[in-house]
Amino acid sequence: MNKLKVLLLSMVLALVSFATQAQTQDANQKTITIKTSAVCDMCKSTIEKAMAYEKGVKSSSLDVDSKLLTVVFDTRKTDANKLKKAVTEVGYDADELPAQERAYNKLDDCCKKGAH
């Protein structure tokens, strides 16, 4: 009987610990939306790949039609400004930040503003 009590107590403690950890992870997770200058599916691929390499990014998705990039990230590892800067570093505008000229000039013609 004592072994059963110990086992049940251990299971309850493990569940409480897991629930507390999950709440902490959610508290450190944030979702932002960034307006980009993306114009095609190639842009989508480039930007999403860049986000995948950014520390703390959990997921990202670019809607080409609206040009909106949605990024879910860990606030302990990065912030919105770093993510916007990362978008500009691959050649695209990010909200109020213009694309870095050197990166923009390397984009394929179909990915440049006004291409479509």
PDB file of N, CA and C in Angstrom:
ATOM      1  N   MET A   1       0.815  -1.192   0.000  1.00  0.00           N
ATOM      2  CA  MET A   1       0.000   0.000   0.000  1.00  0.00           C
ATOM      3  C   MET A   1       0.861   1.260   0.000  1.00  0.00           C
ATOM      4  N   ASN A   2       1.962   1.236   0.740  1.00  0.00           N
ATOM      5  CA  ASN A   2       2.841   2.399   0.791  1.00  0.00           C
ATOM      6  C   ASN A   2       3.465   2.682  -0.565  1.00  0.00           C
ATOM      7  N   LYS A   3       3.806   1.627  -1.291  1.00  0.00           N
ATOM      8  CA  LYS A   3       4.387   1.811  -2.619  1.00  0.00           C
ATOM      9  C   LYS A   3       3.379   2.481  -3.556  1.00  0.00           C
ATOM     10  N   LEU A   4       2.115   2.108  -3.427  1.00  0.00           N
ATOM     11  CA  LEU A   4       1.071   2.704  -4.250  1.00  0.00           C
ATOM     12  C   LEU A   4       0.925   4.193  -3.937  1.00  0.00           C
ATOM     13  N   LYS A   5       0.962   4.549  -2.662  1.00  0.00           N
ATOM     14  CA  LYS A   5       0.866   5.952  -2.263  1.00  0.00           C
ATOM     15  C   LYS A   5       2.047   6.751  -2.809  1.00  0.00           C
ATOM     16  N   VAL A   6       3.231   6.177  -2.712  1.00  0.00           N
ATOM     17  CA  VAL A   6       4.435   6.855  -3.207  1.00  0.00           C
ATOM     18  C   VAL A   6       4.339   7.038  -4.716  1.00  0.00           C
ATOM     19  N   LEU A   7       3.892   6.016  -5.406  1.00  0.00           N
ATOM     20  CA  LEU A   7       3.744   6.098  -6.861  1.00  0.00           C
ATOM     21  C   LEU A   7       2.722   7.163  -7.246  1.00  0.00           C
ATOM     22  N   LEU A   8       1.576   7.188  -6.585  1.00  0.00           N
ATOM     23  CA  LEU A   8       0.547   8.183  -6.876  1.00  0.00           C
ATOM     24  C   LEU A   8       1.049   9.596  -6.556  1.00  0.00           C
ATOM     25  N   LEU A   9       1.736   9.758  -5.447  1.00  0.00           N
ATOM     26  CA  LEU A   9       2.274  11.065  -5.079  1.00  0.00           C
ATOM     27  C   LEU A   9       3.306  11.525  -6.108  1.00  0.00           C
ATOM     28  N   SER A  10       4.143  10.615  -6.559  1.00  0.00           N
ATOM     29  CA  SER A  10       5.146  10.943  -7.579  1.00  0.00           C
ATOM     30  C   SER A  10       4.481  11.383  -8.876  1.00  0.00           C
ATOM     31  N   MET A  11       3.416  10.701  -9.264  1.00  0.00           N
ATOM     32  CA  MET A  11       2.714  11.055 -10.491  1.00  0.00           C
ATOM     33  C   MET A  11       2.067  12.434 -10.375  1.00  0.00           C
ATOM     34  N   VAL A  12       1.468  12.725  -9.254  1.00  0.00           N
ATOM     35  CA  VAL A  12       0.827  14.029  -9.042  1.00  0.00           C
ATOM     36  C   VAL A  12       1.877  15.136  -9.092  1.00  0.00           C
ATOM     37  N   LEU A  13       3.005  14.930  -8.426  1.00  0.00           N
ATOM     38  CA  LEU A  13       4.071  15.925  -8.435  1.00  0.00           C
ATOM     39  C   LEU A  13       4.610  16.144  -9.845  1.00  0.00           C
ATOM     40  N   ALA A  14       4.742  15.091 -10.611  1.00  0.00           N
ATOM     41  CA  ALA A  14       5.232  15.202 -11.985  1.00  0.00           C
ATOM     42  C   ALA A  14       4.245  16.004 -12.837  1.00  0.00           C
ATOM     43  N   LEU A  15       2.962  15.751 -12.678  1.00  0.00           N
ATOM     44  CA  LEU A  15       1.942  16.486 -13.433  1.00  0.00           C
ATOM     45  C   LEU A  15       1.925  17.965 -13.059  1.00  0.00           C
ATOM     46  N   VAL A  16       2.031  18.269 -11.787  1.00  0.00           N
ATOM     47  CA  VAL A  16       2.057  19.659 -11.343  1.00  0.00           C
ATOM     48  C   VAL A  16       3.289  20.360 -11.905  1.00  0.00           C
ATOM     49  N   SER A  17       4.411  19.689 -11.859  1.00  0.00           N
ATOM     50  CA  SER A  17       5.655  20.256 -12.383  1.00  0.00           C
ATOM     51  C   SER A  17       5.539  20.518 -13.881  1.00  0.00           C
ATOM     52  N   PHE A  18       4.974  19.570 -14.609  1.00  0.00           N
ATOM     53  CA  PHE A  18       4.797  19.722 -16.058  1.00  0.00           C
ATOM     54  C   PHE A  18       3.874  20.889 -16.374  1.00  0.00           C
ATOM     55  N   ALA A  19       2.768  21.012 -15.645  1.00  0.00           N
ATOM     56  CA  ALA A  19       1.807  22.095 -15.878  1.00  0.00           C
ATOM     57  C   ALA A  19       2.448  23.453 -15.592  1.00  0.00           C
ATOM     58  N   THR A  20       3.230  23.548 -14.544  1.00  0.00           N
ATOM     59  CA  THR A  20       3.912  24.797 -14.204  1.00  0.00           C
ATOM     60  C   THR A  20       4.913  25.168 -15.278  1.00  0.00           C
ATOM     61  N   GLN A  21       5.656  24.196 -15.783  1.00  0.00           N
ATOM     62  CA  GLN A  21       6.638  24.440 -16.834  1.00  0.00           C
ATOM     63  C   GLN A  21       5.945  24.905 -18.115  1.00  0.00           C
ATOM     64  N   ALA A  22       4.835  24.301 -18.470  1.00  0.00           N
ATOM     65  CA  ALA A  22       4.094  24.682 -19.677  1.00  0.00           C
ATOM     66  C   ALA A  22       3.591  26.117 -19.563  1.00  0.00           C
ATOM     67  N   GLN A  23       3.103  26.513 -18.391  1.00  0.00           N
ATOM     68  CA  GLN A  23       2.633  27.883 -18.195  1.00  0.00           C
ATOM     69  C   GLN A  23       3.782  28.869 -18.324  1.00  0.00           C
ATOM     70  N   THR A  24       4.947  28.526 -17.797  1.00  0.00           N
ATOM     71  CA  THR A  24       6.115  29.394 -17.886  1.00  0.00           C
ATOM     72  C   THR A  24       6.534  29.561 -19.336  1.00  0.00           C
ATOM     73  N   GLN A  25       6.522  28.486 -20.111  1.00  0.00           N
ATOM     74  CA  GLN A  25       6.894  28.564 -21.515  1.00  0.00           C
ATOM     75  C   GLN A  25       5.927  29.467 -22.274  1.00  0.00           C
ATOM     76  N   ASP A  26       4.632  29.343 -22.015  1.00  0.00           N
ATOM     77  CA  ASP A  26       3.648  30.187 -22.684  1.00  0.00           C
ATOM     78  C   ASP A  26       3.833  31.651 -22.322  1.00  0.00           C
ATOM     79  N   ALA A  27       4.204  31.924 -21.083  1.00  0.00           N
ATOM     80  CA  ALA A  27       4.391  33.307 -20.630  1.00  0.00           C
ATOM     81  C   ALA A  27       5.570  33.962 -21.343  1.00  0.00           C
ATOM     82  N   ASN A  28       6.521  33.170 -21.800  1.00  0.00           N
ATOM     83  CA  ASN A  28       7.704  33.698 -22.479  1.00  0.00           C
ATOM     84  C   ASN A  28       7.570  33.664 -23.991  1.00  0.00           C
ATOM     85  N   GLN A  29       6.409  33.307 -24.475  1.00  0.00           N
ATOM     86  CA  GLN A  29       6.182  33.217 -25.920  1.00  0.00           C
ATOM     87  C   GLN A  29       5.339  34.398 -26.374  1.00  0.00           C
ATOM     88  N   LYS A  30       5.726  34.985 -27.488  1.00  0.00           N
ATOM     89  CA  LYS A  30       5.005  36.142 -28.021  1.00  0.00           C
ATOM     90  C   LYS A  30       4.825  35.971 -29.523  1.00  0.00           C
ATOM     91  N   THR A  31       3.754  36.534 -30.048  1.00  0.00           N
ATOM     92  CA  THR A  31       3.496  36.512 -31.481  1.00  0.00           C
ATOM     93  C   THR A  31       3.434  37.953 -31.976  1.00  0.00           C
ATOM     94  N   ILE A  32       4.166  38.227 -33.058  1.00  0.00           N
ATOM     95  CA  ILE A  32       4.127  39.552 -33.666  1.00  0.00           C
ATOM     96  C   ILE A  32       3.813  39.424 -35.151  1.00  0.00           C
ATOM     97  N   THR A  33       3.350  40.509 -35.731  1.00  0.00           N
ATOM     98  CA  THR A  33       3.096  40.573 -37.167  1.00  0.00           C
ATOM     99  C   THR A  33       3.914  41.732 -37.724  1.00  0.00           C
ATOM    100  N   ILE A  34       4.651  41.442 -38.790  1.00  0.00           N
ATOM    101  CA  ILE A  34       5.527  42.433 -39.419  1.00  0.00           C
ATOM    102  C   ILE A  34       5.080  42.623 -40.867  1.00  0.00           C
ATOM    103  N   LYS A  35       4.872  43.876 -41.257  1.00  0.00           N
ATOM    104  CA  LYS A  35       4.530  44.201 -42.655  1.00  0.00           C
ATOM    105  C   LYS A  35       5.829  44.193 -43.461  1.00  0.00           C
ATOM    106  N   THR A  36       5.875  43.403 -44.523  1.00  0.00           N
ATOM    107  CA  THR A  36       7.084  43.277 -45.337  1.00  0.00           C
ATOM    108  C   THR A  36       6.846  43.823 -46.743  1.00  0.00           C
ATOM    109  N   SER A  37       7.897  43.791 -47.538  1.00  0.00           N
ATOM    110  CA  SER A  37       7.790  44.189 -48.941  1.00  0.00           C
ATOM    111  C   SER A  37       7.823  42.965 -49.862  1.00  0.00           C
ATOM    112  N   ALA A  38       7.533  41.797 -49.315  1.00  0.00           N
ATOM    113  CA  ALA A  38       7.545  40.553 -50.086  1.00  0.00           C
ATOM    114  C   ALA A  38       6.485  40.587 -51.182  1.00  0.00           C
ATOM    115  N   VAL A  39       6.810  39.990 -52.333  1.00  0.00           N
ATOM    116  CA  VAL A  39       5.870  40.019 -53.455  1.00  0.00           C
ATOM    117  C   VAL A  39       5.563  38.651 -54.070  1.00  0.00           C
ATOM    118  N   CYS A  40       6.336  37.613 -53.733  1.00  0.00           N
ATOM    119  CA  CYS A  40       6.103  36.318 -54.381  1.00  0.00           C
ATOM    120  C   CYS A  40       6.436  35.161 -53.439  1.00  0.00           C
ATOM    121  N   ASP A  41       6.222  33.948 -53.936  1.00  0.00           N
ATOM    122  CA  ASP A  41       6.496  32.758 -53.127  1.00  0.00           C
ATOM    123  C   ASP A  41       7.988  32.578 -52.846  1.00  0.00           C
ATOM    124  N   MET A  42       8.825  33.082 -53.727  1.00  0.00           N
ATOM    125  CA  MET A  42      10.259  33.020 -53.487  1.00  0.00           C
ATOM    126  C   MET A  42      10.624  33.912 -52.283  1.00  0.00           C
ATOM    127  N   CYS A  43       9.970  35.063 -52.203  1.00  0.00           N
ATOM    128  CA  CYS A  43      10.158  35.956 -51.053  1.00  0.00           C
ATOM    129  C   CYS A  43       9.749  35.229 -49.773  1.00  0.00           C
ATOM    130  N   LYS A  44       8.609  34.559 -49.844  1.00  0.00           N
ATOM    131  CA  LYS A  44       8.092  33.809 -48.694  1.00  0.00           C
ATOM    132  C   LYS A  44       9.124  32.813 -48.206  1.00  0.00           C
ATOM    133  N   SER A  45       9.687  32.061 -49.129  1.00  0.00           N
ATOM    134  CA  SER A  45      10.691  31.061 -48.790  1.00  0.00           C
ATOM    135  C   SER A  45      11.929  31.703 -48.156  1.00  0.00           C
ATOM    136  N   THR A  46      12.401  32.790 -48.738  1.00  0.00           N
ATOM    137  CA  THR A  46      13.599  33.474 -48.245  1.00  0.00           C
ATOM    138  C   THR A  46      13.395  34.000 -46.831  1.00  0.00           C
ATOM    139  N   ILE A  47      12.275  34.661 -46.603  1.00  0.00           N
ATOM    140  CA  ILE A  47      12.020  35.261 -45.290  1.00  0.00           C
ATOM    141  C   ILE A  47      11.785  34.190 -44.235  1.00  0.00           C
ATOM    142  N   GLU A  48      10.989  33.178 -44.552  1.00  0.00           N
ATOM    143  CA  GLU A  48      10.723  32.120 -43.573  1.00  0.00           C
ATOM    144  C   GLU A  48      11.998  31.350 -43.234  1.00  0.00           C
ATOM    145  N   LYS A  49      12.861  31.148 -44.220  1.00  0.00           N
ATOM    146  CA  LYS A  49      14.136  30.475 -43.966  1.00  0.00           C
ATOM    147  C   LYS A  49      15.009  31.337 -43.045  1.00  0.00           C
ATOM    148  N   ALA A  50      15.038  32.639 -43.285  1.00  0.00           N
ATOM    149  CA  ALA A  50      15.817  33.543 -42.434  1.00  0.00           C
ATOM    150  C   ALA A  50      15.304  33.496 -40.996  1.00  0.00           C
ATOM    151  N   MET A  51      13.999  33.451 -40.833  1.00  0.00           N
ATOM    152  CA  MET A  51      13.417  33.399 -39.482  1.00  0.00           C
ATOM    153  C   MET A  51      13.769  32.091 -38.777  1.00  0.00           C
ATOM    154  N   ALA A  52      13.849  31.012 -39.550  1.00  0.00           N
ATOM    155  CA  ALA A  52      14.182  29.718 -38.960  1.00  0.00           C
ATOM    156  C   ALA A  52      15.574  29.721 -38.335  1.00  0.00           C
ATOM    157  N   TYR A  53      16.456  30.574 -38.847  1.00  0.00           N
ATOM    158  CA  TYR A  53      17.811  30.654 -38.316  1.00  0.00           C
ATOM    159  C   TYR A  53      17.946  31.637 -37.156  1.00  0.00           C
ATOM    160  N   GLU A  54      16.900  32.381 -36.867  1.00  0.00           N
ATOM    161  CA  GLU A  54      16.953  33.346 -35.776  1.00  0.00           C
ATOM    162  C   GLU A  54      16.735  32.648 -34.433  1.00  0.00           C
ATOM    163  N   LYS A  55      17.611  32.940 -33.506  1.00  0.00           N
ATOM    164  CA  LYS A  55      17.532  32.351 -32.173  1.00  0.00           C
ATOM    165  C   LYS A  55      16.203  32.733 -31.514  1.00  0.00           C
ATOM    166  N   GLY A  56      15.515  31.757 -30.963  1.00  0.00           N
ATOM    167  CA  GLY A  56      14.275  31.998 -30.239  1.00  0.00           C
ATOM    168  C   GLY A  56      13.006  31.927 -31.063  1.00  0.00           C
ATOM    169  N   VAL A  57      13.119  31.856 -32.380  1.00  0.00           N
ATOM    170  CA  VAL A  57      11.913  31.791 -33.218  1.00  0.00           C
ATOM    171  C   VAL A  57      11.338  30.382 -33.170  1.00  0.00           C
ATOM    172  N   LYS A  58      10.073  30.304 -32.814  1.00  0.00           N
ATOM    173  CA  LYS A  58       9.371  29.018 -32.746  1.00  0.00           C
ATOM    174  C   LYS A  58       8.734  28.679 -34.088  1.00  0.00           C
ATOM    175  N   SER A  59       8.157  29.694 -34.740  1.00  0.00           N
ATOM    176  CA  SER A  59       7.544  29.486 -36.052  1.00  0.00           C
ATOM    177  C   SER A  59       7.377  30.827 -36.745  1.00  0.00           C
ATOM    178  N   SER A  60       7.261  30.753 -38.068  1.00  0.00           N
ATOM    179  CA  SER A  60       6.991  31.963 -38.839  1.00  0.00           C
ATOM    180  C   SER A  60       6.206  31.585 -40.086  1.00  0.00           C
ATOM    181  N   SER A  61       5.385  32.524 -40.533  1.00  0.00           N
ATOM    182  CA  SER A  61       4.578  32.283 -41.722  1.00  0.00           C
ATOM    183  C   SER A  61       4.314  33.621 -42.398  1.00  0.00           C
ATOM    184  N   LEU A  62       4.621  33.676 -43.688  1.00  0.00           N
ATOM    185  CA  LEU A  62       4.383  34.892 -44.463  1.00  0.00           C
ATOM    186  C   LEU A  62       3.195  34.688 -45.374  1.00  0.00           C
ATOM    187  N   ASP A  63       2.221  35.577 -45.277  1.00  0.00           N
ATOM    188  CA  ASP A  63       1.095  35.600 -46.199  1.00  0.00           C
ATOM    189  C   ASP A  63       1.474  36.572 -47.315  1.00  0.00           C
ATOM    190  N   VAL A  64       1.755  36.038 -48.493  1.00  0.00           N
ATOM    191  CA  VAL A  64       2.252  36.850 -49.604  1.00  0.00           C
ATOM    192  C   VAL A  64       1.230  37.911 -50.029  1.00  0.00           C
ATOM    193  N   ASP A  65      -0.048  37.560 -50.065  1.00  0.00           N
ATOM    194  CA  ASP A  65      -1.074  38.503 -50.513  1.00  0.00           C
ATOM    195  C   ASP A  65      -1.133  39.759 -49.640  1.00  0.00           C
ATOM    196  N   SER A  66      -1.089  39.561 -48.323  1.00  0.00           N
ATOM    197  CA  SER A  66      -1.157  40.710 -47.415  1.00  0.00           C
ATOM    198  C   SER A  66       0.230  41.250 -47.054  1.00  0.00           C
ATOM    199  N   LYS A  67       1.275  40.484 -47.410  1.00  0.00           N
ATOM    200  CA  LYS A  67       2.672  40.823 -47.099  1.00  0.00           C
ATOM    201  C   LYS A  67       2.948  40.827 -45.602  1.00  0.00           C
ATOM    202  N   LEU A  68       2.139  40.107 -44.830  1.00  0.00           N
ATOM    203  CA  LEU A  68       2.295  40.073 -43.384  1.00  0.00           C
ATOM    204  C   LEU A  68       3.030  38.812 -42.942  1.00  0.00           C
ATOM    205  N   LEU A  69       4.071  39.017 -42.163  1.00  0.00           N
ATOM    206  CA  LEU A  69       4.861  37.936 -41.590  1.00  0.00           C
ATOM    207  C   LEU A  69       4.455  37.780 -40.132  1.00  0.00           C
ATOM    208  N   THR A  70       4.005  36.600 -39.766  1.00  0.00           N
ATOM    209  CA  THR A  70       3.638  36.313 -38.384  1.00  0.00           C
ATOM    210  C   THR A  70       4.743  35.446 -37.787  1.00  0.00           C
ATOM    211  N   VAL A  71       5.284  35.900 -36.656  1.00  0.00           N
ATOM    212  CA  VAL A  71       6.392  35.196 -36.014  1.00  0.00           C
ATOM    213  C   VAL A  71       6.044  34.914 -34.550  1.00  0.00           C
ATOM    214  N   VAL A  72       6.226  33.659 -34.153  1.00  0.00           N
ATOM    215  CA  VAL A  72       6.075  33.254 -32.758  1.00  0.00           C
ATOM    216  C   VAL A  72       7.483  33.043 -32.222  1.00  0.00           C
ATOM    217  N   PHE A  73       7.811  33.709 -31.099  1.00  0.00           N
ATOM    218  CA  PHE A  73       9.179  33.620 -30.592  1.00  0.00           C
ATOM    219  C   PHE A  73       9.227  33.626 -29.074  1.00  0.00           C
ATOM    220  N   ASP A  74      10.373  33.237 -28.552  1.00  0.00           N
ATOM    221  CA  ASP A  74      10.646  33.195 -27.124  1.00  0.00           C
ATOM    222  C   ASP A  74      11.245  34.540 -26.726  1.00  0.00           C
ATOM    223  N   THR A  75      10.558  35.275 -25.867  1.00  0.00           N
ATOM    224  CA  THR A  75      10.999  36.617 -25.478  1.00  0.00           C
ATOM    225  C   THR A  75      12.286  36.606 -24.664  1.00  0.00           C
ATOM    226  N   ARG A  76      12.686  35.442 -24.152  1.00  0.00           N
ATOM    227  CA  ARG A  76      13.948  35.355 -23.410  1.00  0.00           C
ATOM    228  C   ARG A  76      15.147  35.305 -24.350  1.00  0.00           C
ATOM    229  N   LYS A  77      14.899  34.998 -25.621  1.00  0.00           N
ATOM    230  CA  LYS A  77      16.001  34.806 -26.563  1.00  0.00           C
ATOM    231  C   LYS A  77      16.096  35.867 -27.652  1.00  0.00           C
ATOM    232  N   THR A  78      15.005  36.567 -27.929  1.00  0.00           N
ATOM    233  CA  THR A  78      15.022  37.593 -28.973  1.00  0.00           C
ATOM    234  C   THR A  78      13.900  38.590 -28.725  1.00  0.00           C
ATOM    235  N   ASP A  79      13.816  39.592 -29.580  1.00  0.00           N
ATOM    236  CA  ASP A  79      12.733  40.573 -29.467  1.00  0.00           C
ATOM    237  C   ASP A  79      12.303  41.016 -30.863  1.00  0.00           C
ATOM    238  N   ALA A  80      11.242  41.793 -30.909  1.00  0.00           N
ATOM    239  CA  ALA A  80      10.662  42.216 -32.189  1.00  0.00           C
ATOM    240  C   ALA A  80      11.663  42.995 -33.037  1.00  0.00           C
ATOM    241  N   ASN A  81      12.464  43.854 -32.423  1.00  0.00           N
ATOM    242  CA  ASN A  81      13.437  44.648 -33.184  1.00  0.00           C
ATOM    243  C   ASN A  81      14.483  43.780 -33.870  1.00  0.00           C
ATOM    244  N   LYS A  82      14.958  42.746 -33.185  1.00  0.00           N
ATOM    245  CA  LYS A  82      15.941  41.841 -33.791  1.00  0.00           C
ATOM    246  C   LYS A  82      15.332  41.084 -34.968  1.00  0.00           C
ATOM    247  N   LEU A  83      14.077  40.711 -34.822  1.00  0.00           N
ATOM    248  CA  LEU A  83      13.414  39.979 -35.899  1.00  0.00           C
ATOM    249  C   LEU A  83      13.193  40.876 -37.120  1.00  0.00           C
ATOM    250  N   LYS A  84      12.810  42.121 -36.879  1.00  0.00           N
ATOM    251  CA  LYS A  84      12.648  43.066 -37.990  1.00  0.00           C
ATOM    252  C   LYS A  84      13.983  43.291 -38.692  1.00  0.00           C
ATOM    253  N   LYS A  85      15.036  43.425 -37.905  1.00  0.00           N
ATOM    254  CA  LYS A  85      16.366  43.630 -38.475  1.00  0.00           C
ATOM    255  C   LYS A  85      16.763  42.436 -39.345  1.00  0.00           C
ATOM    256  N   ALA A  86      16.420  41.232 -38.895  1.00  0.00           N
ATOM    257  CA  ALA A  86      16.732  40.025 -39.666  1.00  0.00           C
ATOM    258  C   ALA A  86      16.012  40.034 -41.015  1.00  0.00           C
ATOM    259  N   VAL A  87      14.786  40.542 -41.044  1.00  0.00           N
ATOM    260  CA  VAL A  87      14.041  40.641 -42.309  1.00  0.00           C
ATOM    261  C   VAL A  87      14.747  41.624 -43.246  1.00  0.00           C
ATOM    262  N   THR A  88      15.194  42.753 -42.712  1.00  0.00           N
ATOM    263  CA  THR A  88      15.872  43.753 -43.549  1.00  0.00           C
ATOM    264  C   THR A  88      17.202  43.230 -44.069  1.00  0.00           C
ATOM    265  N   GLU A  89      17.833  42.345 -43.316  1.00  0.00           N
ATOM    266  CA  GLU A  89      19.140  41.803 -43.706  1.00  0.00           C
ATOM    267  C   GLU A  89      19.060  40.828 -44.871  1.00  0.00           C
ATOM    268  N   VAL A  90      17.852  40.349 -45.186  1.00  0.00           N
ATOM    269  CA  VAL A  90      17.700  39.482 -46.364  1.00  0.00           C
ATOM    270  C   VAL A  90      17.080  40.245 -47.533  1.00  0.00           C
ATOM    271  N   GLY A  91      16.900  41.580 -47.363  1.00  0.00           N
ATOM    272  CA  GLY A  91      16.504  42.414 -48.493  1.00  0.00           C
ATOM    273  C   GLY A  91      15.078  42.918 -48.527  1.00  0.00           C
ATOM    274  N   TYR A  92      14.354  42.796 -47.430  1.00  0.00           N
ATOM    275  CA  TYR A  92      12.949  43.199 -47.410  1.00  0.00           C
ATOM    276  C   TYR A  92      12.697  44.257 -46.347  1.00  0.00           C
ATOM    277  N   ASP A  93      11.723  45.130 -46.618  1.00  0.00           N
ATOM    278  CA  ASP A  93      11.294  46.089 -45.608  1.00  0.00           C
ATOM    279  C   ASP A  93      10.619  45.327 -44.473  1.00  0.00           C
ATOM    280  N   ALA A  94      10.716  45.881 -43.276  1.00  0.00           N
ATOM    281  CA  ALA A  94      10.060  45.296 -42.108  1.00  0.00           C
ATOM    282  C   ALA A  94       9.418  46.432 -41.318  1.00  0.00           C
ATOM    283  N   ASP A  95       8.117  46.585 -41.476  1.00  0.00           N
ATOM    284  CA  ASP A  95       7.391  47.717 -40.898  1.00  0.00           C
ATOM    285  C   ASP A  95       8.067  49.016 -41.314  1.00  0.00           C
ATOM    286  N   GLU A  96       8.542  49.789 -40.355  1.00  0.00           N
ATOM    287  CA  GLU A  96       9.141  51.087 -40.658  1.00  0.00           C
ATOM    288  C   GLU A  96      10.604  51.001 -41.089  1.00  0.00           C
ATOM    289  N   LEU A  97      11.207  49.827 -40.964  1.00  0.00           N
ATOM    290  CA  LEU A  97      12.624  49.669 -41.322  1.00  0.00           C
ATOM    291  C   LEU A  97      12.777  49.318 -42.802  1.00  0.00           C
ATOM    292  N   PRO A  98      13.574  50.078 -43.527  1.00  0.00           N
ATOM    293  CA  PRO A  98      13.787  49.748 -44.946  1.00  0.00           C
ATOM    294  C   PRO A  98      14.750  48.569 -45.098  1.00  0.00           C
ATOM    295  N   ALA A  99      14.627  47.875 -46.212  1.00  0.00           N
ATOM    296  CA  ALA A  99      15.535  46.765 -46.518  1.00  0.00           C
ATOM    297  C   ALA A  99      16.966  47.287 -46.607  1.00  0.00           C
ATOM    298  N   GLN A 100      17.908  46.458 -46.201  1.00  0.00           N
ATOM    299  CA  GLN A 100      19.307  46.841 -46.367  1.00  0.00           C
ATOM    300  C   GLN A 100      19.613  46.829 -47.858  1.00  0.00           C
ATOM    301  N   GLU A 101      20.162  47.918 -48.335  1.00  0.00           N
ATOM    302  CA  GLU A 101      20.350  48.117 -49.770  1.00  0.00           C
ATOM    303  C   GLU A 101      21.165  46.992 -50.411  1.00  0.00           C
ATOM    304  N   ARG A 102      22.230  46.600 -49.774  1.00  0.00           N
ATOM    305  CA  ARG A 102      23.087  45.556 -50.336  1.00  0.00           C
ATOM    306  C   ARG A 102      22.320  44.241 -50.504  1.00  0.00           C
ATOM    307  N   ALA A 103      21.548  43.876 -49.499  1.00  0.00           N
ATOM    308  CA  ALA A 103      20.758  42.648 -49.565  1.00  0.00           C
ATOM    309  C   ALA A 103      19.649  42.778 -50.601  1.00  0.00           C
ATOM    310  N   TYR A 104      18.999  43.933 -50.649  1.00  0.00           N
ATOM    311  CA  TYR A 104      17.931  44.167 -51.627  1.00  0.00           C
ATOM    312  C   TYR A 104      18.462  44.025 -53.052  1.00  0.00           C
ATOM    313  N   ASN A 105      19.644  44.557 -53.319  1.00  0.00           N
ATOM    314  CA  ASN A 105      20.225  44.488 -54.657  1.00  0.00           C
ATOM    315  C   ASN A 105      20.557  43.058 -55.086  1.00  0.00           C
ATOM    316  N   LYS A 106      20.708  42.161 -54.130  1.00  0.00           N
ATOM    317  CA  LYS A 106      20.999  40.754 -54.435  1.00  0.00           C
ATOM    318  C   LYS A 106      19.745  39.932 -54.722  1.00  0.00           C
ATOM    319  N   LEU A 107      18.571  40.490 -54.431  1.00  0.00           N
ATOM    320  CA  LEU A 107      17.325  39.756 -54.666  1.00  0.00           C
ATOM    321  C   LEU A 107      17.109  39.537 -56.159  1.00  0.00           C
ATOM    322  N   ASP A 108      16.441  38.434 -56.485  1.00  0.00           N
ATOM    323  CA  ASP A 108      16.028  38.211 -57.873  1.00  0.00           C
ATOM    324  C   ASP A 108      15.056  39.322 -58.266  1.00  0.00           C
ATOM    325  N   ASP A 109      14.979  39.621 -59.554  1.00  0.00           N
ATOM    326  CA  ASP A 109      14.111  40.700 -60.030  1.00  0.00           C
ATOM    327  C   ASP A 109      12.651  40.502 -59.613  1.00  0.00           C
ATOM    328  N   CYS A 110      12.205  39.259 -59.574  1.00  0.00           N
ATOM    329  CA  CYS A 110      10.802  38.999 -59.220  1.00  0.00           C
ATOM    330  C   CYS A 110      10.504  39.340 -57.764  1.00  0.00           C
ATOM    331  N   CYS A 111      11.535  39.474 -56.948  1.00  0.00           N
ATOM    332  CA  CYS A 111      11.356  39.757 -55.524  1.00  0.00           C
ATOM    333  C   CYS A 111      11.486  41.234 -55.179  1.00  0.00           C
ATOM    334  N   LYS A 112      11.773  42.040 -56.155  1.00  0.00           N
ATOM    335  CA  LYS A 112      11.948  43.472 -55.882  1.00  0.00           C
ATOM    336  C   LYS A 112      10.617  44.200 -55.905  1.00  0.00           C
ATOM    337  N   LYS A 113      10.539  45.277 -55.160  1.00  0.00           N
ATOM    338  CA  LYS A 113       9.298  46.063 -55.056  1.00  0.00           C
ATOM    339  C   LYS A 113       8.799  46.446 -56.447  1.00  0.00           C
ATOM    340  N   GLY A 114       7.504  46.327 -56.630  1.00  0.00           N
ATOM    341  CA  GLY A 114       6.904  46.704 -57.899  1.00  0.00           C
ATOM    342  C   GLY A 114       7.067  45.663 -58.990  1.00  0.00           C
ATOM    343  N   ALA A 115       7.615  44.490 -58.666  1.00  0.00           N
ATOM    344  CA  ALA A 115       7.845  43.450 -59.679  1.00  0.00           C
ATOM    345  C   ALA A 115       6.532  42.817 -60.126  1.00  0.00           C
ATOM    346  N   HIS A 116       5.524  42.888 -59.311  1.00  0.00           N
ATOM    347  CA  HIS A 116       4.241  42.244 -59.653  1.00  0.00           C
ATOM    348  C   HIS A 116       3.146  43.244 -59.738  1.00  0.00           C
TER     349      HIS A 116
END
